[in-house]
Amino acid sequence: MNKVKCKLIVGLHDIEIDNNIDLKKGIELDTNVFLTNNKKVIEELIPEKIIPGMGLSEYNNLLSLNAIVYTIVEIPEKAFNERTILINFLDLNAILCQAFWLIKDNSVRMELGHLIYEKGNRLGLHSNYLSSMYTTQLGKQIPKKFNINELQTLGRFQKFLFDTLKNKTEQTYTSLVKEHNRVQRAFLFIQSARCADDIGIKVAELCTAFECLFSVSTSELKHRLSEIISITIGKDKTEKLIIYKHIQKAYDLRSAVVHGDSIPSRYSKMEFQLLKETVNNCDNYLRLVFNKFISDEELFSVFTENSKDELQSYFLNLIFED
């Protein structure tokens, strides 16, 4: 059976490798999928004959980036579809960009991807664009450093998100359907928040993510959520109280935003210090929750498999445990 040799490449923006460590062949994210910053590896991926079709500026752009993701695979000629293959690779890297958030606040994103293939005697190139315009907590797009230990966790985080975010329906209109669990719905709002450059809107979206995860009743929502979130992630009484107060402040801000009001003046004092602290707290607490899901399969199943009543009983046991 004839096979098509394929090289798939996508560049990552707003990422720096701590101490400029040479990743050489790269960190393996998945089977035969690597993240590298080695210029020689990147040069060897791109045949000289392809450069005019790719464009010299794009070629130089790939060489100038601090990280790219690539894979080399052989695909049966009958199954080869250049558009489908590249889109699937871009979709996987979109999840990778989301996985960076599970490590820390960042605006790592991708833009243009390339498929270089050898089909018979023909050398071909297909390029496509899939933008993920993420911003940091403060609504900026700035480089963020990642060390080797952090980068080595990416594969596990990417797999978690790939498994968690699968569309379980045939329709593509919305993921906010009963077939998708509360963790999946929450992450949708987290990603929406990361795309916003307005901090007030970020907080509102992040609070909705909290509701997706922890809401089991609409009564006394602000108090109930603040209490449950603090008990779930707080380590001791002092920390739980701090988290409780932080979530209360976040919901006061959210209430103003979603009802079309201006934010209360206390959030804008001292160069919007409280606004910045509030978005930082929300973002960090949600990241902590998702990391607990990754490390604790039993906790993850509680949130993904239990009914609303069962989840409410779980929260009550947390509140009244000795």
C-alpha atoms as a PDB file:
ATOM      1  CA  MET A   1       0.000   0.000   0.000  1.00  0.00           C
ATOM      2  CA  ASN A   2       1.366   3.396  -1.019  1.00  0.00           C
ATOM      3  CA  LYS A   3       1.914   5.837   1.811  1.00  0.00           C
ATOM      4  CA  VAL A   4       2.288   9.605   1.977  1.00  0.00           C
ATOM      5  CA  LYS A   5       5.081  10.926   4.188  1.00  0.00           C
ATOM      6  CA  CYS A   6       3.814  13.938   6.115  1.00  0.00           C
ATOM      7  CA  LYS A   7       5.445  16.593   8.258  1.00  0.00           C
ATOM      8  CA  LEU A   8       3.093  18.753  10.311  1.00  0.00           C
ATOM      9  CA  ILE A   9       4.349  21.968  11.900  1.00  0.00           C
ATOM     10  CA  VAL A  10       2.737  24.743  13.931  1.00  0.00           C
ATOM     11  CA  GLY A  11       4.451  27.634  15.703  1.00  0.00           C
ATOM     12  CA  LEU A  12       3.643  28.804  19.235  1.00  0.00           C
ATOM     13  CA  HIS A  13       3.558  32.476  20.184  1.00  0.00           C
ATOM     14  CA  ASP A  14       4.092  34.194  23.562  1.00  0.00           C
ATOM     15  CA  ILE A  15       6.192  31.413  25.024  1.00  0.00           C
ATOM     16  CA  GLU A  16       9.769  31.467  26.272  1.00  0.00           C
ATOM     17  CA  ILE A  17      11.868  28.490  27.381  1.00  0.00           C
ATOM     18  CA  ASP A  18      13.503  29.136  30.750  1.00  0.00           C
ATOM     19  CA  ASN A  19      17.271  29.713  30.415  1.00  0.00           C
ATOM     20  CA  ASN A  20      16.913  29.158  26.638  1.00  0.00           C
ATOM     21  CA  ILE A  21      17.535  25.445  27.183  1.00  0.00           C
ATOM     22  CA  ASP A  22      17.946  23.563  23.896  1.00  0.00           C
ATOM     23  CA  LEU A  23      15.115  21.018  23.690  1.00  0.00           C
ATOM     24  CA  LYS A  24      16.944  19.237  20.824  1.00  0.00           C
ATOM     25  CA  LYS A  25      14.546  16.757  19.166  1.00  0.00           C
ATOM     26  CA  GLY A  26      11.904  17.982  21.553  1.00  0.00           C
ATOM     27  CA  ILE A  27       9.671  17.100  24.470  1.00  0.00           C
ATOM     28  CA  GLU A  28       7.267  14.340  23.425  1.00  0.00           C
ATOM     29  CA  LEU A  29       3.713  15.533  23.974  1.00  0.00           C
ATOM     30  CA  ASP A  30       2.050  12.479  22.451  1.00  0.00           C
ATOM     31  CA  THR A  31       3.216   9.528  20.397  1.00  0.00           C
ATOM     32  CA  ASN A  32       5.668  11.032  17.885  1.00  0.00           C
ATOM     33  CA  VAL A  33       4.485  14.603  18.549  1.00  0.00           C
ATOM     34  CA  PHE A  34       7.206  16.936  19.831  1.00  0.00           C
ATOM     35  CA  LEU A  35       7.671  20.475  21.116  1.00  0.00           C
ATOM     36  CA  THR A  36      11.092  21.917  20.278  1.00  0.00           C
ATOM     37  CA  ASN A  37      13.041  25.149  20.040  1.00  0.00           C
ATOM     38  CA  ASN A  38      16.010  23.648  18.174  1.00  0.00           C
ATOM     39  CA  LYS A  39      16.590  25.689  14.998  1.00  0.00           C
ATOM     40  CA  LYS A  40      18.410  22.854  13.229  1.00  0.00           C
ATOM     41  CA  VAL A  41      15.474  20.504  13.769  1.00  0.00           C
ATOM     42  CA  ILE A  42      13.105  23.152  12.396  1.00  0.00           C
ATOM     43  CA  GLU A  43      15.322  23.752   9.344  1.00  0.00           C
ATOM     44  CA  GLU A  44      15.477  20.009   8.618  1.00  0.00           C
ATOM     45  CA  LEU A  45      11.684  19.774   8.723  1.00  0.00           C
ATOM     46  CA  ILE A  46      11.286  22.274   5.894  1.00  0.00           C
ATOM     47  CA  PRO A  47      12.813  21.311   2.512  1.00  0.00           C
ATOM     48  CA  GLU A  48      14.442  24.164   0.630  1.00  0.00           C
ATOM     49  CA  LYS A  49      12.097  23.618  -2.337  1.00  0.00           C
ATOM     50  CA  ILE A  50       9.094  24.347  -0.094  1.00  0.00           C
ATOM     51  CA  ILE A  51      10.319  27.723   1.173  1.00  0.00           C
ATOM     52  CA  PRO A  52       9.096  29.783  -1.838  1.00  0.00           C
ATOM     53  CA  GLY A  53       5.601  28.296  -1.490  1.00  0.00           C
ATOM     54  CA  MET A  54       5.584  28.798   2.260  1.00  0.00           C
ATOM     55  CA  GLY A  55       6.988  32.290   1.897  1.00  0.00           C
ATOM     56  CA  LEU A  56      10.346  33.461   3.127  1.00  0.00           C
ATOM     57  CA  SER A  57       8.764  35.623   5.809  1.00  0.00           C
ATOM     58  CA  GLU A  58       6.806  32.668   7.254  1.00  0.00           C
ATOM     59  CA  TYR A  59       9.898  30.437   7.086  1.00  0.00           C
ATOM     60  CA  ASN A  60      11.918  33.024   8.993  1.00  0.00           C
ATOM     61  CA  ASN A  61       9.024  33.466  11.415  1.00  0.00           C
ATOM     62  CA  LEU A  62       9.096  29.755  12.293  1.00  0.00           C
ATOM     63  CA  LEU A  63      12.833  29.943  12.880  1.00  0.00           C
ATOM     64  CA  SER A  64      12.425  33.015  15.077  1.00  0.00           C
ATOM     65  CA  LEU A  65       9.781  31.513  17.353  1.00  0.00           C
ATOM     66  CA  ASN A  66      10.782  30.126  20.740  1.00  0.00           C
ATOM     67  CA  ALA A  67       8.820  26.886  20.246  1.00  0.00           C
ATOM     68  CA  ILE A  68       7.131  24.857  17.545  1.00  0.00           C
ATOM     69  CA  VAL A  69       5.145  21.608  17.626  1.00  0.00           C
ATOM     70  CA  TYR A  70       5.759  18.999  14.938  1.00  0.00           C
ATOM     71  CA  THR A  71       5.183  15.405  13.958  1.00  0.00           C
ATOM     72  CA  ILE A  72       6.338  13.156  11.112  1.00  0.00           C
ATOM     73  CA  VAL A  73       3.896  10.444  10.063  1.00  0.00           C
ATOM     74  CA  GLU A  74       3.104   8.189   7.118  1.00  0.00           C
ATOM     75  CA  ILE A  75      -0.516   8.008   5.999  1.00  0.00           C
ATOM     76  CA  PRO A  76      -2.010   5.493   3.528  1.00  0.00           C
ATOM     77  CA  GLU A  77      -2.553   7.250   0.209  1.00  0.00           C
ATOM     78  CA  LYS A  78      -6.232   6.250   0.115  1.00  0.00           C
ATOM     79  CA  ALA A  79      -6.810   7.963   3.480  1.00  0.00           C
ATOM     80  CA  PHE A  80      -4.791  11.075   2.627  1.00  0.00           C
ATOM     81  CA  ASN A  81      -6.707  14.345   2.683  1.00  0.00           C
ATOM     82  CA  GLU A  82      -4.420  17.314   3.165  1.00  0.00           C
ATOM     83  CA  ARG A  83      -7.119  19.629   4.542  1.00  0.00           C
ATOM     84  CA  THR A  84      -8.485  17.123   7.077  1.00  0.00           C
ATOM     85  CA  ILE A  85      -5.043  16.060   8.271  1.00  0.00           C
ATOM     86  CA  LEU A  86      -3.885  19.615   8.934  1.00  0.00           C
ATOM     87  CA  ILE A  87      -7.154  20.698  10.577  1.00  0.00           C
ATOM     88  CA  ASN A  88      -6.981  17.719  12.948  1.00  0.00           C
ATOM     89  CA  PHE A  89      -3.400  18.677  13.852  1.00  0.00           C
ATOM     90  CA  LEU A  90      -4.424  22.290  14.436  1.00  0.00           C
ATOM     91  CA  ASP A  91      -7.316  21.135  16.629  1.00  0.00           C
ATOM     92  CA  LEU A  92      -4.910  19.098  18.771  1.00  0.00           C
ATOM     93  CA  ASN A  93      -2.646  22.105  19.144  1.00  0.00           C
ATOM     94  CA  ALA A  94      -5.626  24.257  20.103  1.00  0.00           C
ATOM     95  CA  ILE A  95      -6.070  21.864  23.032  1.00  0.00           C
ATOM     96  CA  LEU A  96      -2.350  22.153  23.741  1.00  0.00           C
ATOM     97  CA  CYS A  97      -2.682  25.936  24.016  1.00  0.00           C
ATOM     98  CA  GLN A  98      -5.481  25.361  26.501  1.00  0.00           C
ATOM     99  CA  ALA A  99      -3.287  22.913  28.430  1.00  0.00           C
ATOM    100  CA  PHE A 100      -0.726  25.659  29.060  1.00  0.00           C
ATOM    101  CA  TRP A 101      -3.355  27.374  31.248  1.00  0.00           C
ATOM    102  CA  LEU A 102      -3.374  24.357  33.578  1.00  0.00           C
ATOM    103  CA  ILE A 103       0.249  25.210  34.397  1.00  0.00           C
ATOM    104  CA  LYS A 104      -0.082  28.966  34.941  1.00  0.00           C
ATOM    105  CA  ASP A 105      -1.509  32.206  33.576  1.00  0.00           C
ATOM    106  CA  ASN A 106      -0.305  32.871  30.023  1.00  0.00           C
ATOM    107  CA  SER A 107      -1.311  33.935  26.507  1.00  0.00           C
ATOM    108  CA  VAL A 108       0.392  31.127  24.569  1.00  0.00           C
ATOM    109  CA  ARG A 109      -1.338  30.739  21.224  1.00  0.00           C
ATOM    110  CA  MET A 110      -0.887  29.448  17.695  1.00  0.00           C
ATOM    111  CA  GLU A 111      -1.781  30.842  14.295  1.00  0.00           C
ATOM    112  CA  LEU A 112      -0.559  29.246  11.049  1.00  0.00           C
ATOM    113  CA  GLY A 113       0.058  25.528  10.582  1.00  0.00           C
ATOM    114  CA  HIS A 114       1.739  23.681   7.706  1.00  0.00           C
ATOM    115  CA  LEU A 115       1.550  20.214   6.182  1.00  0.00           C
ATOM    116  CA  ILE A 116       4.552  19.245   4.029  1.00  0.00           C
ATOM    117  CA  TYR A 117       4.053  15.956   2.194  1.00  0.00           C
ATOM    118  CA  GLU A 118       5.692  13.630  -0.309  1.00  0.00           C
ATOM    119  CA  LYS A 119       3.144  11.923  -2.555  1.00  0.00           C
ATOM    120  CA  GLY A 120       4.849   9.869  -5.215  1.00  0.00           C
ATOM    121  CA  ASN A 121       7.421  12.161  -6.807  1.00  0.00           C
ATOM    122  CA  ARG A 122       5.521  15.248  -5.751  1.00  0.00           C
ATOM    123  CA  LEU A 123       6.519  17.486  -2.861  1.00  0.00           C
ATOM    124  CA  GLY A 124       3.485  19.432  -1.629  1.00  0.00           C
ATOM    125  CA  LEU A 125       2.550  22.079   0.921  1.00  0.00           C
ATOM    126  CA  HIS A 126      -0.792  22.849   2.501  1.00  0.00           C
ATOM    127  CA  SER A 127      -1.184  25.655   5.058  1.00  0.00           C
ATOM    128  CA  ASN A 128      -4.141  26.667   7.186  1.00  0.00           C
ATOM    129  CA  TYR A 129      -4.907  29.134   9.949  1.00  0.00           C
ATOM    130  CA  LEU A 130      -6.541  28.509  13.317  1.00  0.00           C
ATOM    131  CA  SER A 131      -6.229  31.408  15.708  1.00  0.00           C
ATOM    132  CA  SER A 132      -6.518  31.141  19.469  1.00  0.00           C
ATOM    133  CA  MET A 133      -6.338  34.716  20.717  1.00  0.00           C
ATOM    134  CA  TYR A 134      -5.773  34.092  24.405  1.00  0.00           C
ATOM    135  CA  THR A 135      -4.782  36.813  26.833  1.00  0.00           C
ATOM    136  CA  THR A 136      -3.366  36.810  30.349  1.00  0.00           C
ATOM    137  CA  GLN A 137      -5.410  37.554  33.476  1.00  0.00           C
ATOM    138  CA  LEU A 138      -4.852  41.257  32.831  1.00  0.00           C
ATOM    139  CA  GLY A 139      -5.971  41.059  29.212  1.00  0.00           C
ATOM    140  CA  LYS A 140      -2.485  41.254  27.688  1.00  0.00           C
ATOM    141  CA  GLN A 141      -0.588  39.169  25.161  1.00  0.00           C
ATOM    142  CA  ILE A 142       2.912  38.850  26.583  1.00  0.00           C
ATOM    143  CA  PRO A 143       5.533  36.066  26.560  1.00  0.00           C
ATOM    144  CA  LYS A 144       5.623  33.771  29.577  1.00  0.00           C
ATOM    145  CA  LYS A 145       8.562  31.571  30.578  1.00  0.00           C
ATOM    146  CA  PHE A 146       8.126  27.829  31.082  1.00  0.00           C
ATOM    147  CA  ASN A 147      10.766  25.543  32.545  1.00  0.00           C
ATOM    148  CA  ILE A 148      11.494  21.948  31.554  1.00  0.00           C
ATOM    149  CA  ASN A 149       9.475  20.443  34.400  1.00  0.00           C
ATOM    150  CA  GLU A 150       6.424  22.487  33.403  1.00  0.00           C
ATOM    151  CA  LEU A 151       6.746  21.592  29.722  1.00  0.00           C
ATOM    152  CA  GLN A 152       7.008  17.907  30.578  1.00  0.00           C
ATOM    153  CA  THR A 153       3.527  18.017  32.142  1.00  0.00           C
ATOM    154  CA  LEU A 154       1.924  19.313  28.937  1.00  0.00           C
ATOM    155  CA  GLY A 155       1.312  15.898  27.390  1.00  0.00           C
ATOM    156  CA  ARG A 156      -0.639  14.699  30.420  1.00  0.00           C
ATOM    157  CA  PHE A 157      -2.649  17.932  30.585  1.00  0.00           C
ATOM    158  CA  GLN A 158      -3.375  17.834  26.856  1.00  0.00           C
ATOM    159  CA  LYS A 159      -4.652  14.254  27.114  1.00  0.00           C
ATOM    160  CA  PHE A 160      -6.874  15.182  30.062  1.00  0.00           C
ATOM    161  CA  LEU A 161      -8.459  18.020  28.091  1.00  0.00           C
ATOM    162  CA  PHE A 162      -8.753  15.953  24.907  1.00  0.00           C
ATOM    163  CA  ASP A 163     -10.681  13.260  26.787  1.00  0.00           C
ATOM    164  CA  THR A 164     -12.722  15.764  28.809  1.00  0.00           C
ATOM    165  CA  LEU A 165     -13.758  18.133  26.018  1.00  0.00           C
ATOM    166  CA  LYS A 166     -14.920  15.580  23.440  1.00  0.00           C
ATOM    167  CA  ASN A 167     -18.189  16.469  21.750  1.00  0.00           C
ATOM    168  CA  LYS A 168     -20.630  13.746  22.767  1.00  0.00           C
ATOM    169  CA  THR A 169     -23.323  14.856  20.319  1.00  0.00           C
ATOM    170  CA  GLU A 170     -23.544  15.026  16.547  1.00  0.00           C
ATOM    171  CA  GLN A 171     -24.616  18.679  16.521  1.00  0.00           C
ATOM    172  CA  THR A 172     -22.107  21.533  16.520  1.00  0.00           C
ATOM    173  CA  TYR A 173     -24.379  24.417  17.550  1.00  0.00           C
ATOM    174  CA  THR A 174     -23.587  24.389  21.268  1.00  0.00           C
ATOM    175  CA  SER A 175     -21.765  22.348  23.888  1.00  0.00           C
ATOM    176  CA  LEU A 176     -24.161  23.529  26.601  1.00  0.00           C
ATOM    177  CA  VAL A 177     -26.299  20.393  26.381  1.00  0.00           C
ATOM    178  CA  LYS A 178     -27.187  17.691  28.896  1.00  0.00           C
ATOM    179  CA  GLU A 179     -24.809  15.200  27.275  1.00  0.00           C
ATOM    180  CA  HIS A 180     -21.870  17.317  28.443  1.00  0.00           C
ATOM    181  CA  ASN A 181     -20.993  17.298  32.124  1.00  0.00           C
ATOM    182  CA  ARG A 182     -20.430  20.303  34.378  1.00  0.00           C
ATOM    183  CA  VAL A 183     -16.619  20.119  34.069  1.00  0.00           C
ATOM    184  CA  GLN A 184     -16.852  20.338  30.291  1.00  0.00           C
ATOM    185  CA  ARG A 185     -19.257  23.270  30.458  1.00  0.00           C
ATOM    186  CA  ALA A 186     -17.067  25.065  33.001  1.00  0.00           C
ATOM    187  CA  PHE A 187     -14.012  24.850  30.779  1.00  0.00           C
ATOM    188  CA  LEU A 188     -15.937  26.477  27.934  1.00  0.00           C
ATOM    189  CA  PHE A 189     -16.406  29.578  30.068  1.00  0.00           C
ATOM    190  CA  ILE A 190     -12.773  29.505  31.187  1.00  0.00           C
ATOM    191  CA  GLN A 191     -11.687  29.578  27.551  1.00  0.00           C
ATOM    192  CA  SER A 192     -14.151  32.356  26.820  1.00  0.00           C
ATOM    193  CA  ALA A 193     -12.664  34.330  29.708  1.00  0.00           C
ATOM    194  CA  ARG A 194      -9.145  33.779  28.389  1.00  0.00           C
ATOM    195  CA  CYS A 195     -10.136  35.260  25.021  1.00  0.00           C
ATOM    196  CA  ALA A 196     -11.493  38.447  26.615  1.00  0.00           C
ATOM    197  CA  ASP A 197      -9.285  41.494  27.057  1.00  0.00           C
ATOM    198  CA  ASP A 198     -11.688  43.218  29.479  1.00  0.00           C
ATOM    199  CA  ILE A 199     -10.951  42.138  33.049  1.00  0.00           C
ATOM    200  CA  GLY A 200     -14.493  42.731  34.272  1.00  0.00           C
ATOM    201  CA  ILE A 201     -15.839  40.390  31.607  1.00  0.00           C
ATOM    202  CA  LYS A 202     -13.127  37.868  32.459  1.00  0.00           C
ATOM    203  CA  VAL A 203     -14.312  37.784  36.065  1.00  0.00           C
ATOM    204  CA  ALA A 204     -17.938  37.355  34.995  1.00  0.00           C
ATOM    205  CA  GLU A 205     -17.027  34.418  32.729  1.00  0.00           C
ATOM    206  CA  LEU A 206     -14.862  32.812  35.414  1.00  0.00           C
ATOM    207  CA  CYS A 207     -17.670  33.123  37.943  1.00  0.00           C
ATOM    208  CA  THR A 208     -19.961  31.340  35.482  1.00  0.00           C
ATOM    209  CA  ALA A 209     -17.356  28.567  35.322  1.00  0.00           C
ATOM    210  CA  PHE A 210     -17.566  28.325  39.136  1.00  0.00           C
ATOM    211  CA  GLU A 211     -21.347  28.029  38.834  1.00  0.00           C
ATOM    212  CA  CYS A 212     -21.037  25.257  36.249  1.00  0.00           C
ATOM    213  CA  LEU A 213     -18.883  23.291  38.670  1.00  0.00           C
ATOM    214  CA  PHE A 214     -20.353  24.010  42.082  1.00  0.00           C
ATOM    215  CA  SER A 215     -23.928  25.226  41.725  1.00  0.00           C
ATOM    216  CA  VAL A 216     -26.591  22.794  42.926  1.00  0.00           C
ATOM    217  CA  SER A 217     -29.214  25.397  43.893  1.00  0.00           C
ATOM    218  CA  THR A 218     -30.128  28.928  42.844  1.00  0.00           C
ATOM    219  CA  SER A 219     -30.958  30.097  46.356  1.00  0.00           C
ATOM    220  CA  GLU A 220     -28.312  32.128  48.230  1.00  0.00           C
ATOM    221  CA  LEU A 221     -26.016  31.487  45.279  1.00  0.00           C
ATOM    222  CA  LYS A 222     -23.255  33.889  46.299  1.00  0.00           C
ATOM    223  CA  HIS A 223     -22.953  32.479  49.823  1.00  0.00           C
ATOM    224  CA  ARG A 224     -23.338  28.839  48.831  1.00  0.00           C
ATOM    225  CA  LEU A 225     -20.731  28.976  46.089  1.00  0.00           C
ATOM    226  CA  SER A 226     -18.266  30.927  48.232  1.00  0.00           C
ATOM    227  CA  GLU A 227     -18.668  28.368  50.990  1.00  0.00           C
ATOM    228  CA  ILE A 228     -18.400  25.263  48.803  1.00  0.00           C
ATOM    229  CA  ILE A 229     -15.438  26.543  46.777  1.00  0.00           C
ATOM    230  CA  SER A 230     -13.531  27.520  49.932  1.00  0.00           C
ATOM    231  CA  ILE A 231     -14.143  24.126  51.518  1.00  0.00           C
ATOM    232  CA  THR A 232     -13.181  22.246  48.347  1.00  0.00           C
ATOM    233  CA  ILE A 233      -9.799  23.899  47.779  1.00  0.00           C
ATOM    234  CA  GLY A 234      -8.874  25.487  51.127  1.00  0.00           C
ATOM    235  CA  LYS A 235      -6.304  23.652  53.231  1.00  0.00           C
ATOM    236  CA  ASP A 236      -7.179  25.064  56.660  1.00  0.00           C
ATOM    237  CA  LYS A 237      -9.636  27.393  58.368  1.00  0.00           C
ATOM    238  CA  THR A 238      -7.590  30.528  57.652  1.00  0.00           C
ATOM    239  CA  GLU A 239      -7.175  29.768  53.954  1.00  0.00           C
ATOM    240  CA  LYS A 240     -10.827  28.769  53.588  1.00  0.00           C
ATOM    241  CA  LEU A 241     -11.926  32.089  55.048  1.00  0.00           C
ATOM    242  CA  ILE A 242      -9.656  34.006  52.653  1.00  0.00           C
ATOM    243  CA  ILE A 243     -11.026  32.099  49.648  1.00  0.00           C
ATOM    244  CA  TYR A 244     -14.590  32.635  50.868  1.00  0.00           C
ATOM    245  CA  LYS A 245     -14.081  36.404  50.991  1.00  0.00           C
ATOM    246  CA  HIS A 246     -12.362  36.446  47.584  1.00  0.00           C
ATOM    247  CA  ILE A 247     -15.264  34.621  45.912  1.00  0.00           C
ATOM    248  CA  GLN A 248     -17.727  36.992  47.580  1.00  0.00           C
ATOM    249  CA  LYS A 249     -15.892  39.954  46.044  1.00  0.00           C
ATOM    250  CA  ALA A 250     -15.814  38.236  42.658  1.00  0.00           C
ATOM    251  CA  TYR A 251     -19.595  37.756  42.744  1.00  0.00           C
ATOM    252  CA  ASP A 252     -20.219  41.363  43.665  1.00  0.00           C
ATOM    253  CA  LEU A 253     -18.228  42.348  40.597  1.00  0.00           C
ATOM    254  CA  ARG A 254     -19.907  39.732  38.421  1.00  0.00           C
ATOM    255  CA  SER A 255     -23.337  40.984  39.437  1.00  0.00           C
ATOM    256  CA  ALA A 256     -22.526  44.480  38.209  1.00  0.00           C
ATOM    257  CA  VAL A 257     -21.040  43.225  34.933  1.00  0.00           C
ATOM    258  CA  VAL A 258     -23.794  40.819  33.884  1.00  0.00           C
ATOM    259  CA  HIS A 259     -26.533  43.317  34.742  1.00  0.00           C
ATOM    260  CA  GLY A 260     -24.967  45.992  32.563  1.00  0.00           C
ATOM    261  CA  ASP A 261     -23.852  48.287  35.371  1.00  0.00           C
ATOM    262  CA  SER A 262     -20.456  49.931  35.772  1.00  0.00           C
ATOM    263  CA  ILE A 263     -18.123  48.180  38.190  1.00  0.00           C
ATOM    264  CA  PRO A 264     -18.307  49.401  41.821  1.00  0.00           C
ATOM    265  CA  SER A 265     -15.805  52.159  42.573  1.00  0.00           C
ATOM    266  CA  ARG A 266     -13.872  50.082  45.120  1.00  0.00           C
ATOM    267  CA  TYR A 267     -12.609  47.874  42.270  1.00  0.00           C
ATOM    268  CA  SER A 268     -11.110  50.843  40.406  1.00  0.00           C
ATOM    269  CA  LYS A 269      -9.201  52.499  43.247  1.00  0.00           C
ATOM    270  CA  MET A 270      -5.383  52.503  43.271  1.00  0.00           C
ATOM    271  CA  GLU A 271      -5.040  51.715  39.561  1.00  0.00           C
ATOM    272  CA  PHE A 272      -7.813  49.069  39.688  1.00  0.00           C
ATOM    273  CA  GLN A 273      -5.929  47.069  42.316  1.00  0.00           C
ATOM    274  CA  LEU A 274      -8.964  45.144  43.619  1.00  0.00           C
ATOM    275  CA  LEU A 275     -10.091  44.368  40.069  1.00  0.00           C
ATOM    276  CA  LYS A 276      -6.676  42.882  39.295  1.00  0.00           C
ATOM    277  CA  GLU A 277      -6.620  40.907  42.541  1.00  0.00           C
ATOM    278  CA  THR A 278     -10.106  39.544  41.887  1.00  0.00           C
ATOM    279  CA  VAL A 279      -9.375  38.203  38.394  1.00  0.00           C
ATOM    280  CA  ASN A 280      -6.102  36.729  39.675  1.00  0.00           C
ATOM    281  CA  ASN A 281      -7.907  34.919  42.488  1.00  0.00           C
ATOM    282  CA  CYS A 282     -10.656  33.534  40.223  1.00  0.00           C
ATOM    283  CA  ASP A 283      -8.192  32.341  37.608  1.00  0.00           C
ATOM    284  CA  ASN A 284      -5.889  30.704  40.148  1.00  0.00           C
ATOM    285  CA  TYR A 285      -8.695  29.011  42.078  1.00  0.00           C
ATOM    286  CA  LEU A 286     -10.172  27.495  38.918  1.00  0.00           C
ATOM    287  CA  ARG A 287      -6.730  26.269  37.864  1.00  0.00           C
ATOM    288  CA  LEU A 288      -6.332  24.675  41.293  1.00  0.00           C
ATOM    289  CA  VAL A 289      -9.710  22.937  40.946  1.00  0.00           C
ATOM    290  CA  PHE A 290      -8.828  21.502  37.541  1.00  0.00           C
ATOM    291  CA  ASN A 291      -5.453  20.299  38.773  1.00  0.00           C
ATOM    292  CA  LYS A 292      -7.256  18.519  41.608  1.00  0.00           C
ATOM    293  CA  PHE A 293      -9.444  16.829  38.991  1.00  0.00           C
ATOM    294  CA  ILE A 294      -6.347  15.633  37.137  1.00  0.00           C
ATOM    295  CA  SER A 295      -4.659  14.239  40.247  1.00  0.00           C
ATOM    296  CA  ASP A 296      -7.800  12.809  41.900  1.00  0.00           C
ATOM    297  CA  GLU A 297      -9.876  10.560  39.629  1.00  0.00           C
ATOM    298  CA  GLU A 298     -12.424   9.953  42.376  1.00  0.00           C
ATOM    299  CA  LEU A 299     -13.064  13.674  42.791  1.00  0.00           C
ATOM    300  CA  PHE A 300     -13.309  14.082  39.006  1.00  0.00           C
ATOM    301  CA  SER A 301     -15.936  11.339  38.815  1.00  0.00           C
ATOM    302  CA  VAL A 302     -17.930  13.034  41.585  1.00  0.00           C
ATOM    303  CA  PHE A 303     -18.257  16.144  39.421  1.00  0.00           C
ATOM    304  CA  THR A 304     -18.762  14.367  36.091  1.00  0.00           C
ATOM    305  CA  GLU A 305     -20.916  11.367  36.942  1.00  0.00           C
ATOM    306  CA  ASN A 306     -23.032  12.305  39.969  1.00  0.00           C
ATOM    307  CA  SER A 307     -26.480  13.840  39.738  1.00  0.00           C
ATOM    308  CA  LYS A 308     -27.174  17.285  41.163  1.00  0.00           C
ATOM    309  CA  ASP A 309     -28.687  15.745  44.312  1.00  0.00           C
ATOM    310  CA  GLU A 310     -25.707  13.436  44.775  1.00  0.00           C
ATOM    311  CA  LEU A 311     -23.320  16.357  44.343  1.00  0.00           C
ATOM    312  CA  GLN A 312     -25.290  18.376  46.887  1.00  0.00           C
ATOM    313  CA  SER A 313     -24.935  15.514  49.385  1.00  0.00           C
ATOM    314  CA  TYR A 314     -21.205  15.432  48.689  1.00  0.00           C
ATOM    315  CA  PHE A 315     -20.904  19.154  49.419  1.00  0.00           C
ATOM    316  CA  LEU A 316     -22.966  18.820  52.620  1.00  0.00           C
ATOM    317  CA  ASN A 317     -20.633  16.089  53.842  1.00  0.00           C
ATOM    318  CA  LEU A 318     -17.683  18.405  53.196  1.00  0.00           C
ATOM    319  CA  ILE A 319     -19.325  21.216  55.145  1.00  0.00           C
ATOM    320  CA  PHE A 320     -20.227  19.103  58.182  1.00  0.00           C
ATOM    321  CA  GLU A 321     -17.326  16.660  58.297  1.00  0.00           C
ATOM    322  CA  ASP A 322     -15.383  16.506  61.553  1.00  0.00           C
END
